[in-house]
Amino acid sequence: MSTLENQIKAIKQIYSEIKKAGYNITPIIVGKFALTVYSQGMYPANIISLLFPDLNLLQKVLKNLGFEQIGDFWTKGDLVVEISKKFELIPTGTFNQIEVNGDIINVISLEDLLIDMMNECIAGDEVVCDLIKTLIKSYKQAIDFHKIYQNLKNKQAVIKFREFQKEANL
């Protein structure tokens, strides 16, 4: 079983345990692992980053599933999970539900992921800039650029997005 398959299996187990605890909401995948989901594994991330309002419950679930806390991370074999309740990581406040092997997982919206990645791009990370270009080309029909422009705080980021959007339409 590949690392990505193991990661998806772990997410499904976490979702199942949270549901058993009586919660109707499940964690949202954020960060580089969201990029892994959108790139369908082409950009592998070794850390599963989850956003959830009840950190105590999520920590209890991870512990019950055999994860061990090491600093800010929870590990089990080669799996690493990072948890947060910083909902400001989702500027537009939206997420997508994506079907993976018949199960639904919550992933930060592509727009929010692109906004987050653009911060790294304008800081000089050319690899991230290239990844943004790839995502824009792959998903240009599905991306709500108006939502992106509404939520960008940095003028330089707006300019870069417009440039990448133009490139994608060539």
N, C-alpha and C. Protein backbone atom coordinates (compact mmCIF):
# COMPACT_ATOMS: atom_id res chain seq x y z
N MET A 1 0.84 -1.18 0.00
CA MET A 1 0.00 0.00 0.00
C MET A 1 0.89 1.24 0.00
N SER A 2 0.58 2.21 -0.86
CA SER A 2 1.39 3.42 -0.97
C SER A 2 1.19 4.33 0.25
N THR A 3 2.10 5.27 0.41
CA THR A 3 1.99 6.24 1.51
C THR A 3 0.67 7.00 1.42
N LEU A 4 0.31 7.44 0.21
CA LEU A 4 -0.95 8.18 0.04
C LEU A 4 -2.14 7.32 0.43
N GLU A 5 -2.14 6.07 0.04
CA GLU A 5 -3.24 5.17 0.42
C GLU A 5 -3.31 5.01 1.94
N ASN A 6 -2.16 4.89 2.58
CA ASN A 6 -2.13 4.80 4.05
C ASN A 6 -2.65 6.08 4.70
N GLN A 7 -2.28 7.22 4.12
CA GLN A 7 -2.75 8.49 4.66
C GLN A 7 -4.27 8.62 4.53
N ILE A 8 -4.81 8.25 3.38
CA ILE A 8 -6.26 8.32 3.16
C ILE A 8 -6.97 7.35 4.10
N LYS A 9 -6.41 6.16 4.29
CA LYS A 9 -6.98 5.18 5.22
C LYS A 9 -7.02 5.75 6.64
N ALA A 10 -5.94 6.43 7.04
CA ALA A 10 -5.89 7.03 8.38
C ALA A 10 -6.94 8.13 8.52
N ILE A 11 -7.11 8.94 7.49
CA ILE A 11 -8.12 10.01 7.54
C ILE A 11 -9.51 9.40 7.69
N LYS A 12 -9.79 8.34 6.94
CA LYS A 12 -11.09 7.67 7.04
C LYS A 12 -11.31 7.12 8.45
N GLN A 13 -10.26 6.56 9.05
CA GLN A 13 -10.37 6.04 10.42
C GLN A 13 -10.66 7.18 11.40
N ILE A 14 -9.99 8.31 11.22
CA ILE A 14 -10.20 9.46 12.09
C ILE A 14 -11.64 9.95 11.95
N TYR A 15 -12.11 10.07 10.71
CA TYR A 15 -13.50 10.50 10.46
C TYR A 15 -14.48 9.54 11.12
N SER A 16 -14.24 8.24 10.99
CA SER A 16 -15.13 7.23 11.56
C SER A 16 -15.20 7.36 13.08
N GLU A 17 -14.05 7.55 13.71
CA GLU A 17 -14.01 7.67 15.18
C GLU A 17 -14.71 8.95 15.66
N ILE A 18 -14.55 10.02 14.91
CA ILE A 18 -15.21 11.27 15.28
C ILE A 18 -16.72 11.12 15.16
N LYS A 19 -17.15 10.43 14.11
CA LYS A 19 -18.58 10.18 13.92
C LYS A 19 -19.13 9.32 15.07
N LYS A 20 -18.37 8.30 15.48
CA LYS A 20 -18.77 7.44 16.61
C LYS A 20 -18.91 8.25 17.89
N ALA A 21 -18.11 9.32 18.02
CA ALA A 21 -18.16 10.17 19.22
C ALA A 21 -19.36 11.11 19.20
N GLY A 22 -20.14 11.06 18.11
CA GLY A 22 -21.36 11.86 18.05
C GLY A 22 -21.22 13.20 17.34
N TYR A 23 -20.08 13.45 16.74
CA TYR A 23 -19.88 14.71 16.01
C TYR A 23 -20.43 14.57 14.60
N ASN A 24 -21.12 15.58 14.13
CA ASN A 24 -21.64 15.57 12.76
C ASN A 24 -20.69 16.22 11.77
N ILE A 25 -19.63 16.84 12.29
CA ILE A 25 -18.65 17.47 11.40
C ILE A 25 -17.35 16.68 11.46
N THR A 26 -16.60 16.76 10.39
CA THR A 26 -15.31 16.06 10.34
C THR A 26 -14.21 17.07 10.01
N PRO A 27 -12.98 16.72 10.34
CA PRO A 27 -11.87 17.64 10.09
C PRO A 27 -11.74 18.01 8.62
N ILE A 28 -11.16 19.18 8.41
CA ILE A 28 -10.88 19.68 7.06
C ILE A 28 -9.39 19.54 6.81
N ILE A 29 -9.05 18.96 5.67
CA ILE A 29 -7.65 18.81 5.29
C ILE A 29 -7.15 20.15 4.77
N VAL A 30 -6.02 20.60 5.30
CA VAL A 30 -5.42 21.88 4.90
C VAL A 30 -3.94 21.65 4.59
N GLY A 31 -3.26 22.74 4.26
CA GLY A 31 -1.82 22.69 4.08
C GLY A 31 -1.38 21.89 2.87
N LYS A 32 -0.16 21.41 2.95
CA LYS A 32 0.44 20.71 1.81
C LYS A 32 -0.28 19.40 1.49
N PHE A 33 -0.94 18.80 2.50
CA PHE A 33 -1.67 17.57 2.19
C PHE A 33 -2.89 17.87 1.32
N ALA A 34 -3.47 19.05 1.46
CA ALA A 34 -4.56 19.46 0.56
C ALA A 34 -4.04 19.53 -0.86
N LEU A 35 -2.82 20.03 -1.01
CA LEU A 35 -2.19 20.07 -2.33
C LEU A 35 -2.01 18.65 -2.88
N THR A 36 -1.66 17.72 -2.01
CA THR A 36 -1.54 16.32 -2.42
C THR A 36 -2.86 15.80 -2.97
N VAL A 37 -3.95 16.15 -2.29
CA VAL A 37 -5.28 15.70 -2.73
C VAL A 37 -5.61 16.31 -4.09
N TYR A 38 -5.44 17.63 -4.23
CA TYR A 38 -5.78 18.31 -5.49
C TYR A 38 -4.87 17.89 -6.64
N SER A 39 -3.62 17.57 -6.33
CA SER A 39 -2.70 17.14 -7.40
C SER A 39 -2.78 15.64 -7.63
N GLN A 40 -3.71 14.98 -6.93
CA GLN A 40 -3.92 13.54 -7.05
C GLN A 40 -2.63 12.76 -6.79
N GLY A 41 -1.90 13.24 -5.78
CA GLY A 41 -0.69 12.54 -5.35
C GLY A 41 0.58 12.94 -6.07
N MET A 42 0.48 13.82 -7.06
CA MET A 42 1.69 14.23 -7.79
C MET A 42 2.63 15.05 -6.91
N TYR A 43 2.07 15.74 -5.93
CA TYR A 43 2.89 16.50 -4.99
C TYR A 43 2.68 15.87 -3.61
N PRO A 44 3.47 14.87 -3.26
CA PRO A 44 3.24 14.16 -2.00
C PRO A 44 3.67 14.99 -0.78
N ALA A 45 2.84 14.95 0.23
CA ALA A 45 3.17 15.61 1.50
C ALA A 45 3.25 14.52 2.56
N ASN A 46 4.23 14.63 3.44
CA ASN A 46 4.38 13.60 4.46
C ASN A 46 3.59 13.89 5.73
N ILE A 47 2.99 15.08 5.81
CA ILE A 47 2.22 15.45 7.01
C ILE A 47 0.77 15.70 6.61
N ILE A 48 -0.14 15.04 7.30
CA ILE A 48 -1.57 15.28 7.12
C ILE A 48 -1.93 16.42 8.07
N SER A 49 -2.35 17.55 7.54
CA SER A 49 -2.73 18.69 8.37
C SER A 49 -4.25 18.76 8.42
N LEU A 50 -4.78 18.74 9.65
CA LEU A 50 -6.23 18.74 9.86
C LEU A 50 -6.66 19.94 10.67
N LEU A 51 -7.79 20.51 10.27
CA LEU A 51 -8.40 21.64 10.96
C LEU A 51 -9.70 21.14 11.59
N PHE A 52 -9.87 21.36 12.90
CA PHE A 52 -11.05 20.86 13.61
C PHE A 52 -11.28 21.72 14.85
N PRO A 53 -12.55 22.04 15.15
CA PRO A 53 -12.81 22.95 16.28
C PRO A 53 -12.56 22.35 17.66
N ASP A 54 -12.66 21.03 17.80
CA ASP A 54 -12.52 20.39 19.11
C ASP A 54 -11.20 19.62 19.16
N LEU A 55 -10.14 20.33 19.53
CA LEU A 55 -8.81 19.71 19.56
C LEU A 55 -8.74 18.56 20.56
N ASN A 56 -9.43 18.71 21.70
CA ASN A 56 -9.39 17.64 22.70
C ASN A 56 -9.96 16.34 22.15
N LEU A 57 -11.10 16.43 21.45
CA LEU A 57 -11.68 15.23 20.86
C LEU A 57 -10.74 14.64 19.81
N LEU A 58 -10.19 15.47 18.95
CA LEU A 58 -9.30 14.97 17.91
C LEU A 58 -8.05 14.32 18.51
N GLN A 59 -7.51 14.91 19.56
CA GLN A 59 -6.36 14.32 20.23
C GLN A 59 -6.72 12.96 20.83
N LYS A 60 -7.90 12.87 21.44
CA LYS A 60 -8.37 11.61 22.03
C LYS A 60 -8.53 10.55 20.93
N VAL A 61 -9.11 10.92 19.80
CA VAL A 61 -9.30 10.00 18.68
C VAL A 61 -7.94 9.50 18.19
N LEU A 62 -7.00 10.41 18.00
CA LEU A 62 -5.68 10.01 17.52
C LEU A 62 -5.00 9.05 18.50
N LYS A 63 -5.12 9.35 19.79
CA LYS A 63 -4.53 8.48 20.81
C LYS A 63 -5.18 7.09 20.76
N ASN A 64 -6.51 7.06 20.64
CA ASN A 64 -7.23 5.78 20.58
C ASN A 64 -6.87 4.97 19.33
N LEU A 65 -6.49 5.66 18.27
CA LEU A 65 -6.09 4.98 17.02
C LEU A 65 -4.62 4.56 17.03
N GLY A 66 -3.93 4.81 18.15
CA GLY A 66 -2.54 4.37 18.28
C GLY A 66 -1.50 5.41 17.90
N PHE A 67 -1.93 6.65 17.69
CA PHE A 67 -0.97 7.71 17.39
C PHE A 67 -0.33 8.17 18.69
N GLU A 68 0.91 8.61 18.58
CA GLU A 68 1.66 9.10 19.73
C GLU A 68 2.02 10.56 19.49
N GLN A 69 1.81 11.40 20.51
CA GLN A 69 2.12 12.82 20.34
C GLN A 69 3.61 13.06 20.54
N ILE A 70 4.18 13.74 19.55
CA ILE A 70 5.59 14.16 19.63
C ILE A 70 5.60 15.64 19.28
N GLY A 71 5.70 16.49 20.28
CA GLY A 71 5.63 17.94 20.06
C GLY A 71 4.28 18.32 19.51
N ASP A 72 4.26 19.00 18.38
CA ASP A 72 3.02 19.43 17.76
C ASP A 72 2.41 18.38 16.82
N PHE A 73 3.08 17.25 16.68
CA PHE A 73 2.65 16.24 15.72
C PHE A 73 2.21 14.96 16.41
N TRP A 74 1.38 14.21 15.70
CA TRP A 74 0.94 12.89 16.14
C TRP A 74 1.47 11.89 15.12
N THR A 75 2.16 10.86 15.59
CA THR A 75 2.76 9.90 14.67
C THR A 75 2.32 8.48 14.96
N LYS A 76 2.28 7.69 13.90
CA LYS A 76 2.01 6.26 14.00
C LYS A 76 2.69 5.62 12.80
N GLY A 77 3.78 4.92 13.04
CA GLY A 77 4.57 4.38 11.94
C GLY A 77 5.08 5.52 11.07
N ASP A 78 4.78 5.46 9.77
CA ASP A 78 5.23 6.53 8.87
C ASP A 78 4.19 7.62 8.68
N LEU A 79 3.08 7.55 9.43
CA LEU A 79 2.03 8.57 9.36
C LEU A 79 2.32 9.70 10.33
N VAL A 80 2.13 10.92 9.88
CA VAL A 80 2.31 12.10 10.72
C VAL A 80 1.09 12.98 10.54
N VAL A 81 0.46 13.36 11.66
CA VAL A 81 -0.73 14.22 11.63
C VAL A 81 -0.45 15.48 12.44
N GLU A 82 -0.85 16.59 11.86
CA GLU A 82 -0.75 17.90 12.52
C GLU A 82 -2.18 18.40 12.67
N ILE A 83 -2.54 18.92 13.85
CA ILE A 83 -3.91 19.39 14.04
C ILE A 83 -3.94 20.85 14.47
N SER A 84 -5.00 21.52 14.08
CA SER A 84 -5.14 22.94 14.39
C SER A 84 -6.61 23.30 14.47
N LYS A 85 -6.90 24.40 15.15
CA LYS A 85 -8.24 24.95 15.10
C LYS A 85 -8.19 26.41 14.66
N LYS A 86 -7.17 26.76 13.89
CA LYS A 86 -7.00 28.12 13.38
C LYS A 86 -7.80 28.28 12.09
N PHE A 87 -9.08 28.61 12.24
CA PHE A 87 -9.95 28.69 11.07
C PHE A 87 -9.64 29.90 10.18
N GLU A 88 -8.73 30.78 10.61
CA GLU A 88 -8.29 31.86 9.74
C GLU A 88 -7.46 31.33 8.58
N LEU A 89 -7.09 30.03 8.63
CA LEU A 89 -6.40 29.40 7.51
C LEU A 89 -7.32 29.26 6.29
N ILE A 90 -8.61 29.50 6.52
CA ILE A 90 -9.59 29.41 5.44
C ILE A 90 -10.21 30.79 5.24
N PRO A 91 -9.53 31.67 4.49
CA PRO A 91 -10.00 33.05 4.33
C PRO A 91 -11.42 33.17 3.78
N THR A 92 -11.80 32.30 2.85
CA THR A 92 -13.15 32.40 2.27
C THR A 92 -14.16 31.63 3.10
N GLY A 93 -13.66 30.82 4.05
CA GLY A 93 -14.55 30.07 4.92
C GLY A 93 -15.22 28.88 4.24
N THR A 94 -14.65 28.41 3.13
CA THR A 94 -15.27 27.29 2.43
C THR A 94 -14.32 26.11 2.29
N PHE A 95 -14.92 24.96 2.09
CA PHE A 95 -14.14 23.76 1.83
C PHE A 95 -14.89 22.92 0.82
N ASN A 96 -14.20 21.97 0.24
CA ASN A 96 -14.81 21.08 -0.74
C ASN A 96 -14.93 19.69 -0.15
N GLN A 97 -15.95 18.99 -0.58
CA GLN A 97 -16.09 17.59 -0.21
C GLN A 97 -15.69 16.78 -1.44
N ILE A 98 -14.67 15.96 -1.27
CA ILE A 98 -14.10 15.22 -2.38
C ILE A 98 -14.27 13.73 -2.10
N GLU A 99 -14.71 13.01 -3.14
CA GLU A 99 -14.89 11.57 -2.99
C GLU A 99 -13.55 10.88 -3.25
N VAL A 100 -13.17 10.04 -2.31
CA VAL A 100 -11.95 9.25 -2.42
C VAL A 100 -12.33 7.80 -2.11
N ASN A 101 -12.24 6.96 -3.11
CA ASN A 101 -12.57 5.54 -2.95
C ASN A 101 -13.94 5.33 -2.29
N GLY A 102 -14.91 6.11 -2.72
CA GLY A 102 -16.27 5.94 -2.21
C GLY A 102 -16.58 6.69 -0.92
N ASP A 103 -15.58 7.29 -0.30
CA ASP A 103 -15.79 8.05 0.93
C ASP A 103 -15.57 9.53 0.66
N ILE A 104 -16.25 10.37 1.44
CA ILE A 104 -16.14 11.81 1.29
C ILE A 104 -15.16 12.35 2.32
N ILE A 105 -14.20 13.16 1.86
CA ILE A 105 -13.29 13.86 2.77
C ILE A 105 -13.44 15.36 2.54
N ASN A 106 -13.25 16.13 3.61
CA ASN A 106 -13.34 17.59 3.53
C ASN A 106 -11.94 18.15 3.29
N VAL A 107 -11.84 18.99 2.25
CA VAL A 107 -10.55 19.58 1.90
C VAL A 107 -10.75 21.09 1.75
N ILE A 108 -9.81 21.85 2.27
CA ILE A 108 -9.84 23.31 2.11
C ILE A 108 -10.18 23.62 0.65
N SER A 109 -10.93 24.69 0.42
CA SER A 109 -11.28 25.01 -0.96
C SER A 109 -10.02 25.29 -1.76
N LEU A 110 -10.10 25.01 -3.03
CA LEU A 110 -8.96 25.26 -3.91
C LEU A 110 -8.57 26.73 -3.87
N GLU A 111 -9.57 27.61 -3.78
CA GLU A 111 -9.30 29.05 -3.72
C GLU A 111 -8.48 29.40 -2.48
N ASP A 112 -8.87 28.85 -1.32
CA ASP A 112 -8.13 29.13 -0.09
C ASP A 112 -6.72 28.54 -0.13
N LEU A 113 -6.61 27.35 -0.72
CA LEU A 113 -5.29 26.74 -0.85
C LEU A 113 -4.40 27.62 -1.73
N LEU A 114 -4.95 28.10 -2.84
CA LEU A 114 -4.16 28.97 -3.73
C LEU A 114 -3.77 30.28 -3.05
N ILE A 115 -4.67 30.86 -2.28
CA ILE A 115 -4.36 32.09 -1.54
C ILE A 115 -3.20 31.83 -0.57
N ASP A 116 -3.28 30.73 0.15
CA ASP A 116 -2.23 30.37 1.10
C ASP A 116 -0.90 30.13 0.39
N MET A 117 -0.94 29.41 -0.73
CA MET A 117 0.28 29.13 -1.48
C MET A 117 0.89 30.39 -2.07
N MET A 118 0.05 31.35 -2.45
CA MET A 118 0.55 32.58 -3.07
C MET A 118 1.45 33.34 -2.11
N ASN A 119 1.18 33.25 -0.81
CA ASN A 119 2.05 33.91 0.17
C ASN A 119 3.48 33.39 0.06
N GLU A 120 3.62 32.06 -0.13
CA GLU A 120 4.95 31.47 -0.28
C GLU A 120 5.56 31.85 -1.63
N CYS A 121 4.71 31.91 -2.65
CA CYS A 121 5.17 32.24 -3.99
C CYS A 121 5.77 33.65 -4.03
N ILE A 122 5.03 34.62 -3.49
CA ILE A 122 5.54 36.00 -3.55
C ILE A 122 6.72 36.23 -2.61
N ALA A 123 6.92 35.29 -1.68
CA ALA A 123 8.10 35.36 -0.82
C ALA A 123 9.33 34.79 -1.53
N GLY A 124 9.12 34.29 -2.78
CA GLY A 124 10.26 33.86 -3.57
C GLY A 124 10.36 32.37 -3.82
N ASP A 125 9.38 31.58 -3.40
CA ASP A 125 9.44 30.14 -3.61
C ASP A 125 8.92 29.79 -5.01
N GLU A 126 9.85 29.65 -5.95
CA GLU A 126 9.49 29.40 -7.36
C GLU A 126 8.80 28.06 -7.56
N VAL A 127 9.14 27.06 -6.74
CA VAL A 127 8.49 25.75 -6.84
C VAL A 127 7.00 25.91 -6.56
N VAL A 128 6.67 26.67 -5.52
CA VAL A 128 5.26 26.90 -5.19
C VAL A 128 4.58 27.70 -6.30
N CYS A 129 5.28 28.67 -6.87
CA CYS A 129 4.71 29.43 -8.00
C CYS A 129 4.37 28.49 -9.15
N ASP A 130 5.26 27.56 -9.44
CA ASP A 130 5.00 26.60 -10.52
C ASP A 130 3.82 25.70 -10.18
N LEU A 131 3.71 25.31 -8.92
CA LEU A 131 2.57 24.48 -8.50
C LEU A 131 1.26 25.25 -8.65
N ILE A 132 1.27 26.54 -8.31
CA ILE A 132 0.07 27.37 -8.48
C ILE A 132 -0.33 27.41 -9.95
N LYS A 133 0.65 27.61 -10.82
CA LYS A 133 0.38 27.65 -12.26
C LYS A 133 -0.25 26.33 -12.72
N THR A 134 0.31 25.23 -12.24
CA THR A 134 -0.22 23.91 -12.62
C THR A 134 -1.65 23.74 -12.15
N LEU A 135 -1.93 24.13 -10.91
CA LEU A 135 -3.29 24.00 -10.38
C LEU A 135 -4.27 24.90 -11.15
N ILE A 136 -3.84 26.10 -11.47
CA ILE A 136 -4.71 27.01 -12.22
C ILE A 136 -5.02 26.43 -13.60
N LYS A 137 -4.00 25.89 -14.26
CA LYS A 137 -4.23 25.28 -15.57
C LYS A 137 -5.15 24.07 -15.46
N SER A 138 -4.95 23.25 -14.44
CA SER A 138 -5.74 22.03 -14.29
C SER A 138 -7.19 22.31 -13.90
N TYR A 139 -7.40 23.33 -13.10
CA TYR A 139 -8.74 23.58 -12.53
C TYR A 139 -9.34 24.91 -12.97
N LYS A 140 -8.83 25.53 -14.04
CA LYS A 140 -9.24 26.89 -14.38
C LYS A 140 -10.74 27.06 -14.54
N GLN A 141 -11.44 26.02 -14.99
CA GLN A 141 -12.90 26.12 -15.15
C GLN A 141 -13.62 26.10 -13.80
N ALA A 142 -13.00 25.50 -12.79
CA ALA A 142 -13.65 25.33 -11.49
C ALA A 142 -13.27 26.40 -10.46
N ILE A 143 -12.20 27.13 -10.71
CA ILE A 143 -11.71 28.11 -9.73
C ILE A 143 -12.57 29.37 -9.78
N ASP A 144 -12.95 29.84 -8.59
CA ASP A 144 -13.69 31.09 -8.47
C ASP A 144 -12.67 32.22 -8.25
N PHE A 145 -12.18 32.77 -9.35
CA PHE A 145 -11.15 33.81 -9.25
C PHE A 145 -11.68 35.06 -8.55
N HIS A 146 -12.96 35.34 -8.70
CA HIS A 146 -13.55 36.50 -8.01
C HIS A 146 -13.39 36.34 -6.50
N LYS A 147 -13.64 35.14 -6.01
CA LYS A 147 -13.49 34.86 -4.57
C LYS A 147 -12.04 35.04 -4.14
N ILE A 148 -11.11 34.61 -4.99
CA ILE A 148 -9.69 34.77 -4.67
C ILE A 148 -9.35 36.25 -4.57
N TYR A 149 -9.73 37.01 -5.58
CA TYR A 149 -9.39 38.44 -5.59
C TYR A 149 -10.05 39.20 -4.43
N GLN A 150 -11.25 38.78 -4.04
CA GLN A 150 -11.93 39.41 -2.91
C GLN A 150 -11.19 39.20 -1.61
N ASN A 151 -10.53 38.07 -1.48
CA ASN A 151 -9.91 37.70 -0.21
C ASN A 151 -8.41 37.92 -0.13
N LEU A 152 -7.81 38.36 -1.22
CA LEU A 152 -6.38 38.64 -1.18
C LEU A 152 -6.12 39.98 -0.51
N LYS A 153 -5.17 40.00 0.38
CA LYS A 153 -4.82 41.23 1.10
C LYS A 153 -3.60 41.92 0.49
N ASN A 154 -2.85 41.17 -0.30
CA ASN A 154 -1.58 41.65 -0.81
C ASN A 154 -1.71 42.00 -2.30
N LYS A 155 -1.41 43.26 -2.64
CA LYS A 155 -1.53 43.72 -4.02
C LYS A 155 -0.61 42.93 -4.96
N GLN A 156 0.58 42.59 -4.48
CA GLN A 156 1.53 41.82 -5.27
C GLN A 156 0.94 40.44 -5.61
N ALA A 157 0.21 39.86 -4.67
CA ALA A 157 -0.43 38.56 -4.90
C ALA A 157 -1.51 38.67 -5.98
N VAL A 158 -2.25 39.76 -5.97
CA VAL A 158 -3.29 39.99 -6.99
C VAL A 158 -2.64 40.04 -8.37
N ILE A 159 -1.55 40.78 -8.47
CA ILE A 159 -0.84 40.92 -9.75
C ILE A 159 -0.36 39.54 -10.24
N LYS A 160 0.22 38.76 -9.34
CA LYS A 160 0.72 37.43 -9.69
C LYS A 160 -0.42 36.52 -10.15
N PHE A 161 -1.54 36.54 -9.42
CA PHE A 161 -2.67 35.70 -9.80
C PHE A 161 -3.18 36.06 -11.19
N ARG A 162 -3.28 37.34 -11.47
CA ARG A 162 -3.74 37.78 -12.80
C ARG A 162 -2.78 37.28 -13.88
N GLU A 163 -1.49 37.37 -13.59
CA GLU A 163 -0.46 36.89 -14.53
C GLU A 163 -0.61 35.39 -14.78
N PHE A 164 -0.77 34.62 -13.70
CA PHE A 164 -0.90 33.16 -13.83
C PHE A 164 -2.21 32.79 -14.53
N GLN A 165 -3.26 33.56 -14.25
CA GLN A 165 -4.55 33.30 -14.88
C GLN A 165 -4.45 33.53 -16.40
N LYS A 166 -3.77 34.62 -16.79
CA LYS A 166 -3.57 34.90 -18.21
C LYS A 166 -2.79 33.77 -18.90
N GLU A 167 -1.72 33.33 -18.25
CA GLU A 167 -0.90 32.24 -18.79
C GLU A 167 -1.74 30.98 -19.01
N ALA A 168 -2.65 30.70 -18.07
CA ALA A 168 -3.47 29.49 -18.15
C ALA A 168 -4.45 29.57 -19.32
N ASN A 169 -4.81 30.77 -19.72
CA ASN A 169 -5.79 30.94 -20.80
C ASN A 169 -5.15 31.02 -22.18
N LEU A 170 -3.82 30.96 -22.25
CA LEU A 170 -3.14 31.02 -23.54
C LEU A 170 -3.24 29.70 -24.29
